[in-house]
Amino acid sequence: MLNQLRNLNTEEKQVILRAPIWVSLLIAGADEDLDPTEIDKAKEVINIRTYTEDSELRALYKELNQDLDHAIQVEINHLPMVGEKRIANLEGKLQQLNAILPKLERAYATDYYNGLKRLAAIVAQSDGGFFGIGAISYKEAAYLQLQMINKP
């Protein structure tokens, strides 16, 4: 797998790899229903990051992008149907990063964390509003800072 993740076990590597999907689903589902427009935007951003990110992060996004549609569908299938339970489940999954990020090089962990926050903002802005005004709902805004994840 990726050089930066060499000190992690298989489960921790999967958490790092799946977290962008979880962030996307958290924001896309903040308004109770999973918004397909926001999920499509997340796929687009992840694809773009396969060639725009710094090399180590680019490698992570390339690996994630290989089977992204299937990976997202698997995650959706394993989530509770009820919005509040789904949100709590995703928050719990993302909280796993709090034990993992300190094991990574600080610069990589910071770039990764900031990338998750940027992804959340882009997904939130992708649907709704009028010419970009009011595109982020108050429910989405509550999750944009990803407060369940400790800043590295």
C-alpha atoms as a PDB file:
ATOM      1  CA  MET A   1       0.000   0.000   0.000  1.00  0.00           C
ATOM      2  CA  LEU A   2       1.090   3.581   0.520  1.00  0.00           C
ATOM      3  CA  ASN A   3       4.455   4.478   2.039  1.00  0.00           C
ATOM      4  CA  GLN A   4       2.946   6.868   4.593  1.00  0.00           C
ATOM      5  CA  LEU A   5       0.682   4.101   5.896  1.00  0.00           C
ATOM      6  CA  ARG A   6       3.399   1.482   6.338  1.00  0.00           C
ATOM      7  CA  ASN A   7       3.211   1.655  10.160  1.00  0.00           C
ATOM      8  CA  LEU A   8      -0.524   1.001  10.239  1.00  0.00           C
ATOM      9  CA  ASN A   9      -2.258  -2.350  10.450  1.00  0.00           C
ATOM     10  CA  THR A  10      -4.697  -3.458   7.740  1.00  0.00           C
ATOM     11  CA  GLU A  11      -7.771  -2.194   9.597  1.00  0.00           C
ATOM     12  CA  GLU A  12      -6.223   1.244  10.188  1.00  0.00           C
ATOM     13  CA  LYS A  13      -5.255   1.503   6.518  1.00  0.00           C
ATOM     14  CA  GLN A  14      -8.847   0.754   5.548  1.00  0.00           C
ATOM     15  CA  VAL A  15     -10.090   3.507   7.860  1.00  0.00           C
ATOM     16  CA  ILE A  16      -7.731   5.994   6.169  1.00  0.00           C
ATOM     17  CA  LEU A  17      -8.871   4.797   2.761  1.00  0.00           C
ATOM     18  CA  ARG A  18     -12.615   4.831   3.571  1.00  0.00           C
ATOM     19  CA  ALA A  19     -12.738   8.134   5.482  1.00  0.00           C
ATOM     20  CA  PRO A  20     -13.232  10.294   2.352  1.00  0.00           C
ATOM     21  CA  ILE A  21     -16.285   8.164   1.532  1.00  0.00           C
ATOM     22  CA  TRP A  22     -17.583   8.515   5.090  1.00  0.00           C
ATOM     23  CA  VAL A  23     -17.113  12.288   5.011  1.00  0.00           C
ATOM     24  CA  SER A  24     -18.949  12.457   1.691  1.00  0.00           C
ATOM     25  CA  LEU A  25     -21.848  10.357   2.987  1.00  0.00           C
ATOM     26  CA  LEU A  26     -21.990  12.364   6.225  1.00  0.00           C
ATOM     27  CA  ILE A  27     -22.442  15.617   4.331  1.00  0.00           C
ATOM     28  CA  ALA A  28     -24.656  14.112   1.600  1.00  0.00           C
ATOM     29  CA  GLY A  29     -26.912  12.659   4.296  1.00  0.00           C
ATOM     30  CA  ALA A  30     -26.921  15.552   6.741  1.00  0.00           C
ATOM     31  CA  ASP A  31     -30.362  16.618   5.497  1.00  0.00           C
ATOM     32  CA  GLU A  32     -31.773  13.149   6.301  1.00  0.00           C
ATOM     33  CA  ASP A  33     -31.671  11.681   2.767  1.00  0.00           C
ATOM     34  CA  LEU A  34     -28.485  10.790   0.914  1.00  0.00           C
ATOM     35  CA  ASP A  35     -28.338  13.372  -1.851  1.00  0.00           C
ATOM     36  CA  PRO A  36     -27.203  11.761  -5.138  1.00  0.00           C
ATOM     37  CA  THR A  37     -25.958  15.104  -6.486  1.00  0.00           C
ATOM     38  CA  GLU A  38     -23.637  15.460  -3.521  1.00  0.00           C
ATOM     39  CA  ILE A  39     -22.453  11.860  -3.817  1.00  0.00           C
ATOM     40  CA  ASP A  40     -21.682  12.457  -7.504  1.00  0.00           C
ATOM     41  CA  LYS A  41     -19.726  15.587  -6.564  1.00  0.00           C
ATOM     42  CA  ALA A  42     -17.717  13.580  -4.035  1.00  0.00           C
ATOM     43  CA  LYS A  43     -16.855  11.041  -6.746  1.00  0.00           C
ATOM     44  CA  GLU A  44     -15.763  13.868  -9.035  1.00  0.00           C
ATOM     45  CA  VAL A  45     -13.547  15.440  -6.361  1.00  0.00           C
ATOM     46  CA  ILE A  46     -11.945  12.116  -5.466  1.00  0.00           C
ATOM     47  CA  ASN A  47     -11.244  11.473  -9.153  1.00  0.00           C
ATOM     48  CA  ILE A  48      -9.710  14.939  -9.576  1.00  0.00           C
ATOM     49  CA  ARG A  49      -7.515  14.372  -6.539  1.00  0.00           C
ATOM     50  CA  THR A  50      -5.965  11.336  -8.241  1.00  0.00           C
ATOM     51  CA  TYR A  51      -3.882  13.770 -10.281  1.00  0.00           C
ATOM     52  CA  THR A  52      -3.918  17.072  -8.370  1.00  0.00           C
ATOM     53  CA  GLU A  53      -2.830  16.121  -4.850  1.00  0.00           C
ATOM     54  CA  ASP A  54       0.757  15.834  -3.631  1.00  0.00           C
ATOM     55  CA  SER A  55       2.238  12.458  -4.482  1.00  0.00           C
ATOM     56  CA  GLU A  56       1.484  10.575  -1.256  1.00  0.00           C
ATOM     57  CA  LEU A  57      -2.108  11.773  -1.047  1.00  0.00           C
ATOM     58  CA  ARG A  58      -2.522  11.290  -4.782  1.00  0.00           C
ATOM     59  CA  ALA A  59      -1.617   7.615  -4.331  1.00  0.00           C
ATOM     60  CA  LEU A  60      -4.292   7.260  -1.647  1.00  0.00           C
ATOM     61  CA  TYR A  61      -6.953   8.811  -3.872  1.00  0.00           C
ATOM     62  CA  LYS A  62      -5.849   6.673  -6.835  1.00  0.00           C
ATOM     63  CA  GLU A  63      -6.318   3.555  -4.757  1.00  0.00           C
ATOM     64  CA  LEU A  64      -9.708   4.748  -3.515  1.00  0.00           C
ATOM     65  CA  ASN A  65     -10.818   5.742  -7.016  1.00  0.00           C
ATOM     66  CA  GLN A  66     -10.125   2.290  -8.499  1.00  0.00           C
ATOM     67  CA  ASP A  67     -13.431   0.874  -7.290  1.00  0.00           C
ATOM     68  CA  LEU A  68     -15.123   3.989  -5.944  1.00  0.00           C
ATOM     69  CA  ASP A  69     -18.694   3.348  -7.090  1.00  0.00           C
ATOM     70  CA  HIS A  70     -18.688  -0.096  -5.542  1.00  0.00           C
ATOM     71  CA  ALA A  71     -17.006   1.127  -2.344  1.00  0.00           C
ATOM     72  CA  ILE A  72     -19.616   3.876  -1.906  1.00  0.00           C
ATOM     73  CA  GLN A  73     -22.470   1.440  -2.513  1.00  0.00           C
ATOM     74  CA  VAL A  74     -21.025  -1.016   0.022  1.00  0.00           C
ATOM     75  CA  GLU A  75     -20.798   1.762   2.620  1.00  0.00           C
ATOM     76  CA  ILE A  76     -24.365   2.900   1.891  1.00  0.00           C
ATOM     77  CA  ASN A  77     -25.636  -0.683   2.179  1.00  0.00           C
ATOM     78  CA  HIS A  78     -24.060  -1.017   5.626  1.00  0.00           C
ATOM     79  CA  LEU A  79     -25.468   2.245   6.986  1.00  0.00           C
ATOM     80  CA  PRO A  80     -28.677   2.540   8.998  1.00  0.00           C
ATOM     81  CA  MET A  81     -31.624   3.815   6.961  1.00  0.00           C
ATOM     82  CA  VAL A  82     -32.709   6.385   9.559  1.00  0.00           C
ATOM     83  CA  GLY A  83     -30.917   9.730   9.146  1.00  0.00           C
ATOM     84  CA  GLU A  84     -29.947  10.290  12.788  1.00  0.00           C
ATOM     85  CA  LYS A  85     -28.649   6.752  13.201  1.00  0.00           C
ATOM     86  CA  ARG A  86     -26.785   7.014   9.903  1.00  0.00           C
ATOM     87  CA  ILE A  87     -25.123  10.260  11.021  1.00  0.00           C
ATOM     88  CA  ALA A  88     -24.135   8.751  14.388  1.00  0.00           C
ATOM     89  CA  ASN A  89     -22.714   5.689  12.627  1.00  0.00           C
ATOM     90  CA  LEU A  90     -20.619   7.811  10.253  1.00  0.00           C
ATOM     91  CA  GLU A  91     -19.396  10.017  13.089  1.00  0.00           C
ATOM     92  CA  GLY A  92     -18.295   6.898  14.969  1.00  0.00           C
ATOM     93  CA  LYS A  93     -16.417   5.617  11.935  1.00  0.00           C
ATOM     94  CA  LEU A  94     -14.675   8.959  11.480  1.00  0.00           C
ATOM     95  CA  GLN A  95     -13.715   9.096  15.166  1.00  0.00           C
ATOM     96  CA  GLN A  96     -11.474   6.087  14.520  1.00  0.00           C
ATOM     97  CA  LEU A  97      -9.109   8.548  12.831  1.00  0.00           C
ATOM     98  CA  ASN A  98      -8.325  10.059  16.242  1.00  0.00           C
ATOM     99  CA  ALA A  99      -6.241   6.994  17.136  1.00  0.00           C
ATOM    100  CA  ILE A 100      -4.712   6.661  13.668  1.00  0.00           C
ATOM    101  CA  LEU A 101      -3.662  10.160  12.580  1.00  0.00           C
ATOM    102  CA  PRO A 102      -1.058  10.519  15.381  1.00  0.00           C
ATOM    103  CA  LYS A 103       0.700   7.441  13.969  1.00  0.00           C
ATOM    104  CA  LEU A 104       1.323   9.207  10.651  1.00  0.00           C
ATOM    105  CA  GLU A 105       3.926  11.813   9.826  1.00  0.00           C
ATOM    106  CA  ARG A 106       2.509  15.120  11.033  1.00  0.00           C
ATOM    107  CA  ALA A 107       2.633  16.868   7.641  1.00  0.00           C
ATOM    108  CA  TYR A 108       0.870  13.977   5.924  1.00  0.00           C
ATOM    109  CA  ALA A 109      -1.754  13.708   8.681  1.00  0.00           C
ATOM    110  CA  THR A 110      -2.405  17.461   8.485  1.00  0.00           C
ATOM    111  CA  ASP A 111      -2.715  17.425   4.694  1.00  0.00           C
ATOM    112  CA  TYR A 112      -5.026  14.420   4.883  1.00  0.00           C
ATOM    113  CA  TYR A 113      -7.199  16.043   7.580  1.00  0.00           C
ATOM    114  CA  ASN A 114      -7.409  19.342   5.690  1.00  0.00           C
ATOM    115  CA  GLY A 115      -8.285  17.421   2.535  1.00  0.00           C
ATOM    116  CA  LEU A 116     -11.208  15.787   4.323  1.00  0.00           C
ATOM    117  CA  LYS A 117     -12.456  19.194   5.442  1.00  0.00           C
ATOM    118  CA  ARG A 118     -12.151  20.600   1.903  1.00  0.00           C
ATOM    119  CA  LEU A 119     -14.012  17.572   0.560  1.00  0.00           C
ATOM    120  CA  ALA A 120     -16.820  18.172   3.065  1.00  0.00           C
ATOM    121  CA  ALA A 121     -17.121  21.816   2.002  1.00  0.00           C
ATOM    122  CA  ILE A 122     -17.160  21.012  -1.717  1.00  0.00           C
ATOM    123  CA  VAL A 123     -19.775  18.292  -1.288  1.00  0.00           C
ATOM    124  CA  ALA A 124     -21.959  20.598   0.820  1.00  0.00           C
ATOM    125  CA  GLN A 125     -21.810  23.368  -1.773  1.00  0.00           C
ATOM    126  CA  SER A 126     -22.666  21.096  -4.685  1.00  0.00           C
ATOM    127  CA  ASP A 127     -26.441  21.091  -4.329  1.00  0.00           C
ATOM    128  CA  GLY A 128     -29.055  23.661  -3.517  1.00  0.00           C
ATOM    129  CA  GLY A 129     -29.036  27.390  -3.233  1.00  0.00           C
ATOM    130  CA  PHE A 130     -29.489  30.074  -5.850  1.00  0.00           C
ATOM    131  CA  PHE A 131     -26.261  31.010  -7.647  1.00  0.00           C
ATOM    132  CA  GLY A 132     -24.360  29.513  -4.723  1.00  0.00           C
ATOM    133  CA  ILE A 133     -26.239  31.538  -2.087  1.00  0.00           C
ATOM    134  CA  GLY A 134     -27.602  29.307   0.638  1.00  0.00           C
ATOM    135  CA  ALA A 135     -26.161  26.171  -0.936  1.00  0.00           C
ATOM    136  CA  ILE A 136     -25.018  24.822   2.430  1.00  0.00           C
ATOM    137  CA  SER A 137     -27.887  23.895   4.713  1.00  0.00           C
ATOM    138  CA  TYR A 138     -27.622  24.537   8.421  1.00  0.00           C
ATOM    139  CA  LYS A 139     -27.551  20.757   8.999  1.00  0.00           C
ATOM    140  CA  GLU A 140     -24.616  20.366   6.616  1.00  0.00           C
ATOM    141  CA  ALA A 141     -22.848  23.349   8.161  1.00  0.00           C
ATOM    142  CA  ALA A 142     -22.926  21.600  11.531  1.00  0.00           C
ATOM    143  CA  TYR A 143     -20.613  18.896  10.156  1.00  0.00           C
ATOM    144  CA  LEU A 144     -18.283  20.892   7.898  1.00  0.00           C
ATOM    145  CA  GLN A 145     -15.595  21.275  10.549  1.00  0.00           C
ATOM    146  CA  LEU A 146     -15.574  17.506  11.149  1.00  0.00           C
ATOM    147  CA  GLN A 147     -15.454  18.113  14.876  1.00  0.00           C
ATOM    148  CA  MET A 148     -15.500  14.372  15.557  1.00  0.00           C
ATOM    149  CA  ILE A 149     -11.923  14.232  14.231  1.00  0.00           C
ATOM    150  CA  ASN A 150      -9.115  15.732  16.287  1.00  0.00           C
ATOM    151  CA  LYS A 151      -6.899  18.096  14.338  1.00  0.00           C
ATOM    152  CA  PRO A 152      -3.433  16.542  13.935  1.00  0.00           C
END
